Amino acid sequence: MLSITCALSLGVGVVTPRKSEILPRATQEKMGIVWRGNSTKEGLNSHDLLETVALPDAFTWGDKDGVNYLTPSLNQHIPQYCGSCWAHGSVSALGDRIKIARGAKGVDVQLSVQHMLNCGGVGSCYGGSVDGPYQWIQSLSEAGTGISYATSQPYLACSSDSKTGICVGQDWSCTAKNTAITCPTFGEECVGLSHYPNATISEHGSISGAAAMQKEIFNRGPIACGIDASPILTYQSGIAKGSSFSIDHVISVVGWGNDPVEGKYWIVRNSWGEYWGEQGYVNVKFGSLAIEDQCSWAVPATFTAPEMHNQFHCYEDGSNCVAK
């Protein structure tokens, strides 16, 4: 599936269409992903129950009442290219929502994209979906565990079907070591952990359209959305715009602004690193680049944090937490 763009945006040149990092719907459904699914029981999507209030002309979780509730930007292409935008977009938005739940206090919780690549079964370095990541985290949550933290499973840009770079010849299956791992100080063998910091969600859902996006973002936090990324490959600054027919990439939307000339635009965090765009961000005009077509949200449930008093304390060598 290739993305087709009808118009180019400010600061954007003519580019060759890129390969999509979004798998076709039929492929997603064969993987068990529910297209535009939600987990709310009895057919009631809790998004619809959110309070309707007058929304401001501009709003961002990067500066709400002088506080930054956003977690750091990452680069999916380091240490090598991996088409894992679908995991980065969802994980970063969920991390933001955890930070919001904590009132921006304490050290930021950074969730493990690599854990999702190793164990999620909803995508790989060759593509994924908008819906799959939160559906997988929901299944973990219902089983009594959650997605691990990046300190337990750092991002290596590899999946079990990777054919290049450091990924070749390594085991990327869903083992204990590929979920949460530690390596003792004095060179002993690394071990997979039975207990590790993790985060769960209580529910998730799918939305589309500017009004629904604004309502969800304003009330609960950033969301993951599909986008046509071809027009922003050479984006530098300004407001990207243009009509698109399909999505090939996933980002997180953290708020919106209002330009006196262009009107409203989305404030978008990408996963291409801070050297790109406006330190990793891009502004996208409302209605442009198919960004309002398919978005996903998730509500944090439990997560490991000092104020929760819920850490299982493992020894430095992990010997009291070795997974069996």
Foldseek 3Di string as FASTA:
>chain_A
DWWDFDDFFPQFDDDDIDFFQADDPVVQVVLVFDVQDKDDPPPDDCLVVFDDDDDDLWDFCCQDVHDNLFDDFAALQPVHQFSLLLLRAAQRFVQSLVCVVVVVDDDGFRFASQLCQAEQSQHHSSHGHQRRPQVSQQVQVVVPFGTATCVFAPDDRGHPPDDDDPRPPDDSHNDLSSRGWAAFDPGDDIFRFQFGWHWGFDMKGKAFDDVSLQSCCVRRFKWKFFFACSSQPSAAEDEIFGAIDDGRGMWIFGIWHQDPPLGIWTWIAGRRALVGHPGRIHTYRPPGRCRRVMIMDTGIDDTDDPVVVDGDDADSRRPVGGDD
